Amino acid sequence: MKDVIIRPELCMGCRSCEVACAVSHSKSKNLFSALGEDPAPKKRISVEYMPAIEASVPITCRHCEDAPCVSVCPTKALSKDTATGTVNHNLERCVDCWTCSMVCTRFSSLYQLILASGCWTSSMANNYGVIDRRTEEGTVVRCDLCEGRELPACVEACPTHALVFFEVERRQEANSFSFS
């Protein structure tokens, strides 16, 4: 399965990924038109500055192989696509219970360094940027890897290539990744 790989050492914190993501998920798909849309388009990626490591880190959904968010969703609004490996979100079924966010393991492997260095932020505690509220519609928003696009908008917009889109082979037992 292809996944967005984050290379925080290359991130300069410009937030181009956030803007591109919001525009990609807007009605108009145009930056200037998206600015006036109601409701305003929401990003599905967030850039967090980590003072302890003096680096900015983009945060987005991993589309986990054994996605706990899917198994706990009481309305089955989240489902795993076995063909693509992505976690899909059905807006009509979502009741904004926020259970998915409480069990999100986004930080379990990629952010072990961040946790070890003691730079856990309050917004990370709420999985901000991984699963976010879309309160005007009563649902949550999360990364869909820009379904229908060859390359996710965040990856395409990153000027330093801190975000890359790779074929990833996941190994369950070691919770490690192998790039093809």
C-alpha atoms as a PDB file:
ATOM      1  CA  MET A   1       0.000   0.000   0.000  1.00  0.00           C
ATOM      2  CA  LYS A   2       1.130   3.548  -0.642  1.00  0.00           C
ATOM      3  CA  ASP A   3       1.422   5.879   2.332  1.00  0.00           C
ATOM      4  CA  VAL A   4       2.580   9.414   3.113  1.00  0.00           C
ATOM      5  CA  ILE A   5       5.995   9.187   4.723  1.00  0.00           C
ATOM      6  CA  ILE A   6       7.038  12.090   6.919  1.00  0.00           C
ATOM      7  CA  ARG A   7      10.668  13.203   7.049  1.00  0.00           C
ATOM      8  CA  PRO A   8      10.644  15.824   9.831  1.00  0.00           C
ATOM      9  CA  GLU A   9      14.314  16.687   9.338  1.00  0.00           C
ATOM     10  CA  LEU A  10      13.331  18.276   6.001  1.00  0.00           C
ATOM     11  CA  CYS A  11      10.238  20.149   7.205  1.00  0.00           C
ATOM     12  CA  MET A  12      10.677  23.918   7.411  1.00  0.00           C
ATOM     13  CA  GLY A  13       7.228  24.549   8.898  1.00  0.00           C
ATOM     14  CA  CYS A  14       5.886  26.501   5.915  1.00  0.00           C
ATOM     15  CA  ARG A  15       2.436  24.858   6.159  1.00  0.00           C
ATOM     16  CA  SER A  16       2.126  24.539   2.367  1.00  0.00           C
ATOM     17  CA  CYS A  17       0.841  21.011   2.988  1.00  0.00           C
ATOM     18  CA  GLU A  18      -2.002  22.334   5.174  1.00  0.00           C
ATOM     19  CA  VAL A  19      -3.112  24.884   2.577  1.00  0.00           C
ATOM     20  CA  ALA A  20      -2.905  22.387  -0.303  1.00  0.00           C
ATOM     21  CA  CYS A  21      -4.913  19.847   1.683  1.00  0.00           C
ATOM     22  CA  ALA A  22      -7.692  22.314   2.510  1.00  0.00           C
ATOM     23  CA  VAL A  23      -7.892  23.519  -1.095  1.00  0.00           C
ATOM     24  CA  SER A  24      -7.917  19.943  -2.384  1.00  0.00           C
ATOM     25  CA  HIS A  25     -10.918  19.210  -0.142  1.00  0.00           C
ATOM     26  CA  SER A  26     -12.752  22.448  -0.989  1.00  0.00           C
ATOM     27  CA  LYS A  27     -15.759  22.621  -3.287  1.00  0.00           C
ATOM     28  CA  SER A  28     -13.985  24.810  -5.845  1.00  0.00           C
ATOM     29  CA  LYS A  29     -10.497  23.212  -5.736  1.00  0.00           C
ATOM     30  CA  ASN A  30      -9.167  26.758  -6.187  1.00  0.00           C
ATOM     31  CA  LEU A  31      -7.279  28.674  -3.473  1.00  0.00           C
ATOM     32  CA  PHE A  32      -8.956  32.039  -4.007  1.00  0.00           C
ATOM     33  CA  SER A  33     -12.464  30.607  -4.316  1.00  0.00           C
ATOM     34  CA  ALA A  34     -11.926  28.313  -1.329  1.00  0.00           C
ATOM     35  CA  LEU A  35     -11.233  31.331   0.891  1.00  0.00           C
ATOM     36  CA  GLY A  36     -14.878  32.398   0.590  1.00  0.00           C
ATOM     37  CA  GLU A  37     -16.527  28.993   0.867  1.00  0.00           C
ATOM     38  CA  ASP A  38     -19.017  28.293   3.630  1.00  0.00           C
ATOM     39  CA  PRO A  39     -18.284  26.072   5.402  1.00  0.00           C
ATOM     40  CA  ALA A  40     -14.574  26.751   5.082  1.00  0.00           C
ATOM     41  CA  PRO A  41     -12.632  23.721   3.792  1.00  0.00           C
ATOM     42  CA  LYS A  42     -10.736  21.803   6.482  1.00  0.00           C
ATOM     43  CA  LYS A  43      -7.206  20.481   6.282  1.00  0.00           C
ATOM     44  CA  ARG A  44      -6.436  16.880   7.159  1.00  0.00           C
ATOM     45  CA  ILE A  45      -2.792  17.455   8.063  1.00  0.00           C
ATOM     46  CA  SER A  46      -1.241  19.696  10.704  1.00  0.00           C
ATOM     47  CA  VAL A  47       2.264  20.956  11.204  1.00  0.00           C
ATOM     48  CA  GLU A  48       3.369  20.986  14.856  1.00  0.00           C
ATOM     49  CA  TYR A  49       6.525  22.726  16.037  1.00  0.00           C
ATOM     50  CA  MET A  50       8.377  20.625  18.607  1.00  0.00           C
ATOM     51  CA  PRO A  51      10.628  22.925  20.669  1.00  0.00           C
ATOM     52  CA  ALA A  52      12.531  20.066  22.333  1.00  0.00           C
ATOM     53  CA  ILE A  53      13.831  18.820  18.984  1.00  0.00           C
ATOM     54  CA  GLU A  54      13.680  22.245  17.298  1.00  0.00           C
ATOM     55  CA  ALA A  55      11.790  20.848  14.336  1.00  0.00           C
ATOM     56  CA  SER A  56       8.400  21.056  12.706  1.00  0.00           C
ATOM     57  CA  VAL A  57       6.573  17.770  12.233  1.00  0.00           C
ATOM     58  CA  PRO A  58       3.663  17.225   9.828  1.00  0.00           C
ATOM     59  CA  ILE A  59       0.998  15.014  11.429  1.00  0.00           C
ATOM     60  CA  THR A  60      -1.537  13.006   9.427  1.00  0.00           C
ATOM     61  CA  CYS A  61      -3.310   9.635   9.412  1.00  0.00           C
ATOM     62  CA  ARG A  62      -1.197   6.479   8.888  1.00  0.00           C
ATOM     63  CA  HIS A  63      -4.069   4.328   7.595  1.00  0.00           C
ATOM     64  CA  CYS A  64      -2.938   1.645  10.039  1.00  0.00           C
ATOM     65  CA  GLU A  65      -3.020  -1.980   8.935  1.00  0.00           C
ATOM     66  CA  ASP A  66      -4.863  -2.964  12.102  1.00  0.00           C
ATOM     67  CA  ALA A  67      -6.689   0.363  12.475  1.00  0.00           C
ATOM     68  CA  PRO A  68      -8.175   0.593  15.972  1.00  0.00           C
ATOM     69  CA  CYS A  69     -10.363   3.510  14.876  1.00  0.00           C
ATOM     70  CA  VAL A  70     -12.232   1.153  12.521  1.00  0.00           C
ATOM     71  CA  SER A  71     -12.834  -1.501  15.162  1.00  0.00           C
ATOM     72  CA  VAL A  72     -14.213   0.930  17.772  1.00  0.00           C
ATOM     73  CA  CYS A  73     -16.491   2.980  15.525  1.00  0.00           C
ATOM     74  CA  PRO A  74     -20.001   2.286  16.877  1.00  0.00           C
ATOM     75  CA  THR A  75     -21.761   3.232  13.634  1.00  0.00           C
ATOM     76  CA  LYS A  76     -19.257   1.590  11.247  1.00  0.00           C
ATOM     77  CA  ALA A  77     -18.576   4.985   9.673  1.00  0.00           C
ATOM     78  CA  LEU A  78     -14.926   3.949   9.358  1.00  0.00           C
ATOM     79  CA  SER A  79     -13.971   0.960   7.241  1.00  0.00           C
ATOM     80  CA  LYS A  80     -10.780  -0.548   5.890  1.00  0.00           C
ATOM     81  CA  ASP A  81     -10.477  -0.906   2.107  1.00  0.00           C
ATOM     82  CA  THR A  82      -8.666  -4.212   1.660  1.00  0.00           C
ATOM     83  CA  ALA A  83      -7.667  -3.410  -1.936  1.00  0.00           C
ATOM     84  CA  THR A  84      -5.997  -0.029  -1.259  1.00  0.00           C
ATOM     85  CA  GLY A  85      -5.228  -0.375   2.447  1.00  0.00           C
ATOM     86  CA  THR A  86      -6.805   2.980   3.258  1.00  0.00           C
ATOM     87  CA  VAL A  87      -9.196   3.714   6.085  1.00  0.00           C
ATOM     88  CA  ASN A  88     -12.354   5.184   4.587  1.00  0.00           C
ATOM     89  CA  HIS A  89     -14.861   7.469   6.274  1.00  0.00           C
ATOM     90  CA  ASN A  90     -18.608   7.426   5.545  1.00  0.00           C
ATOM     91  CA  LEU A  91     -19.925  10.905   6.415  1.00  0.00           C
ATOM     92  CA  GLU A  92     -23.557   9.761   6.526  1.00  0.00           C
ATOM     93  CA  ARG A  93     -22.840   7.217   9.262  1.00  0.00           C
ATOM     94  CA  CYS A  94     -20.590   9.405  11.429  1.00  0.00           C
ATOM     95  CA  VAL A  95     -22.215  10.758  14.603  1.00  0.00           C
ATOM     96  CA  ASP A  96     -19.175  12.728  15.831  1.00  0.00           C
ATOM     97  CA  CYS A  97     -18.758  10.561  18.953  1.00  0.00           C
ATOM     98  CA  TRP A  98     -14.977  11.049  18.776  1.00  0.00           C
ATOM     99  CA  THR A  99     -14.259   7.448  19.790  1.00  0.00           C
ATOM    100  CA  CYS A 100     -11.917   7.063  16.804  1.00  0.00           C
ATOM    101  CA  SER A 101      -9.695   9.847  18.066  1.00  0.00           C
ATOM    102  CA  MET A 102      -9.416   8.337  21.530  1.00  0.00           C
ATOM    103  CA  VAL A 103      -7.896   5.099  20.200  1.00  0.00           C
ATOM    104  CA  CYS A 104      -5.767   6.526  17.385  1.00  0.00           C
ATOM    105  CA  THR A 105      -2.263   5.043  17.527  1.00  0.00           C
ATOM    106  CA  ARG A 106      -0.744   7.644  15.206  1.00  0.00           C
ATOM    107  CA  PHE A 107       1.948   8.417  17.708  1.00  0.00           C
ATOM    108  CA  SER A 108       2.870   4.823  18.628  1.00  0.00           C
ATOM    109  CA  SER A 109       5.770   4.287  16.239  1.00  0.00           C
ATOM    110  CA  LEU A 110       6.521   7.447  14.267  1.00  0.00           C
ATOM    111  CA  TYR A 111       6.449   9.725  17.292  1.00  0.00           C
ATOM    112  CA  GLN A 112       8.335   7.585  19.826  1.00  0.00           C
ATOM    113  CA  LEU A 113      11.248   9.998  19.460  1.00  0.00           C
ATOM    114  CA  ILE A 114       8.982  12.949  20.155  1.00  0.00           C
ATOM    115  CA  LEU A 115       7.538  11.335  23.252  1.00  0.00           C
ATOM    116  CA  ALA A 116      10.987  10.328  24.497  1.00  0.00           C
ATOM    117  CA  SER A 117      12.274  13.873  24.107  1.00  0.00           C
ATOM    118  CA  GLY A 118       9.329  15.215  26.096  1.00  0.00           C
ATOM    119  CA  CYS A 119       7.710  17.471  23.539  1.00  0.00           C
ATOM    120  CA  TRP A 120       4.159  16.166  23.664  1.00  0.00           C
ATOM    121  CA  THR A 121       1.854  19.132  23.010  1.00  0.00           C
ATOM    122  CA  SER A 122      -1.744  19.629  24.058  1.00  0.00           C
ATOM    123  CA  SER A 123      -2.934  19.586  20.456  1.00  0.00           C
ATOM    124  CA  MET A 124      -1.202  16.226  19.892  1.00  0.00           C
ATOM    125  CA  ALA A 125      -3.033  14.833  22.919  1.00  0.00           C
ATOM    126  CA  ASN A 126      -6.245  15.427  20.995  1.00  0.00           C
ATOM    127  CA  ASN A 127      -4.845  13.903  17.777  1.00  0.00           C
ATOM    128  CA  TYR A 128      -5.300  17.296  16.135  1.00  0.00           C
ATOM    129  CA  GLY A 129      -4.621  16.954  12.443  1.00  0.00           C
ATOM    130  CA  VAL A 130      -5.119  13.201  12.409  1.00  0.00           C
ATOM    131  CA  ILE A 131      -8.823  13.229  13.173  1.00  0.00           C
ATOM    132  CA  ASP A 132     -10.468  16.646  13.419  1.00  0.00           C
ATOM    133  CA  ARG A 133     -13.995  17.842  14.094  1.00  0.00           C
ATOM    134  CA  ARG A 134     -16.197  19.186  11.352  1.00  0.00           C
ATOM    135  CA  THR A 135     -18.743  20.616  13.771  1.00  0.00           C
ATOM    136  CA  GLU A 136     -20.963  22.384  11.249  1.00  0.00           C
ATOM    137  CA  GLU A 137     -21.761  18.999   9.704  1.00  0.00           C
ATOM    138  CA  GLY A 138     -21.615  16.948  12.915  1.00  0.00           C
ATOM    139  CA  THR A 139     -18.860  14.623  11.671  1.00  0.00           C
ATOM    140  CA  VAL A 140     -15.107  14.205  11.815  1.00  0.00           C
ATOM    141  CA  VAL A 141     -12.598  14.804   9.036  1.00  0.00           C
ATOM    142  CA  ARG A 142      -9.523  12.685   8.445  1.00  0.00           C
ATOM    143  CA  CYS A 143      -6.977  12.028   5.728  1.00  0.00           C
ATOM    144  CA  ASP A 144      -8.293  10.178   2.680  1.00  0.00           C
ATOM    145  CA  LEU A 145      -4.947  10.286   0.802  1.00  0.00           C
ATOM    146  CA  CYS A 146      -6.704  12.633  -1.648  1.00  0.00           C
ATOM    147  CA  GLU A 147      -8.844   9.914  -3.164  1.00  0.00           C
ATOM    148  CA  GLY A 148      -8.967  10.260  -6.920  1.00  0.00           C
ATOM    149  CA  ARG A 149      -5.563  11.945  -7.193  1.00  0.00           C
ATOM    150  CA  GLU A 150      -2.344  10.217  -8.175  1.00  0.00           C
ATOM    151  CA  LEU A 151      -0.386  12.124  -5.521  1.00  0.00           C
ATOM    152  CA  PRO A 152      -1.863  13.562  -2.285  1.00  0.00           C
ATOM    153  CA  ALA A 153      -2.044  17.364  -2.345  1.00  0.00           C
ATOM    154  CA  CYS A 154       0.147  17.705   0.763  1.00  0.00           C
ATOM    155  CA  VAL A 155       2.951  15.702  -0.857  1.00  0.00           C
ATOM    156  CA  GLU A 156       2.681  17.603  -4.126  1.00  0.00           C
ATOM    157  CA  ALA A 157       2.832  20.973  -2.341  1.00  0.00           C
ATOM    158  CA  CYS A 158       5.803  20.245  -0.056  1.00  0.00           C
ATOM    159  CA  PRO A 159       8.732  22.332  -1.350  1.00  0.00           C
ATOM    160  CA  THR A 160      11.390  20.424   0.629  1.00  0.00           C
ATOM    161  CA  HIS A 161      10.042  16.895   0.035  1.00  0.00           C
ATOM    162  CA  ALA A 162       9.490  16.387   3.776  1.00  0.00           C
ATOM    163  CA  LEU A 163       6.384  14.478   2.685  1.00  0.00           C
ATOM    164  CA  VAL A 164       6.785  11.658   0.175  1.00  0.00           C
ATOM    165  CA  PHE A 165       4.353   9.073  -1.159  1.00  0.00           C
ATOM    166  CA  PHE A 166       5.912   5.594  -1.109  1.00  0.00           C
ATOM    167  CA  GLU A 167       4.827   2.014  -1.479  1.00  0.00           C
ATOM    168  CA  VAL A 168       5.106   0.703   2.069  1.00  0.00           C
ATOM    169  CA  GLU A 169       5.247  -2.878   3.241  1.00  0.00           C
ATOM    170  CA  ARG A 170       4.063  -3.029   6.827  1.00  0.00           C
ATOM    171  CA  ARG A 171       5.364  -5.664   9.178  1.00  0.00           C
ATOM    172  CA  GLN A 172       2.901  -6.322  11.962  1.00  0.00           C
ATOM    173  CA  GLU A 173       5.219  -8.016  14.440  1.00  0.00           C
ATOM    174  CA  ALA A 174       7.887  -5.331  14.623  1.00  0.00           C
ATOM    175  CA  ASN A 175       5.607  -2.360  13.850  1.00  0.00           C
ATOM    176  CA  SER A 176       8.286  -1.304  11.375  1.00  0.00           C
ATOM    177  CA  PHE A 177       8.194  -0.212   7.779  1.00  0.00           C
ATOM    178  CA  SER A 178      10.005  -1.230   4.642  1.00  0.00           C
ATOM    179  CA  PHE A 179      10.085   1.031   1.608  1.00  0.00           C
ATOM    180  CA  SER A 180       9.856  -0.305  -1.921  1.00  0.00           C
END
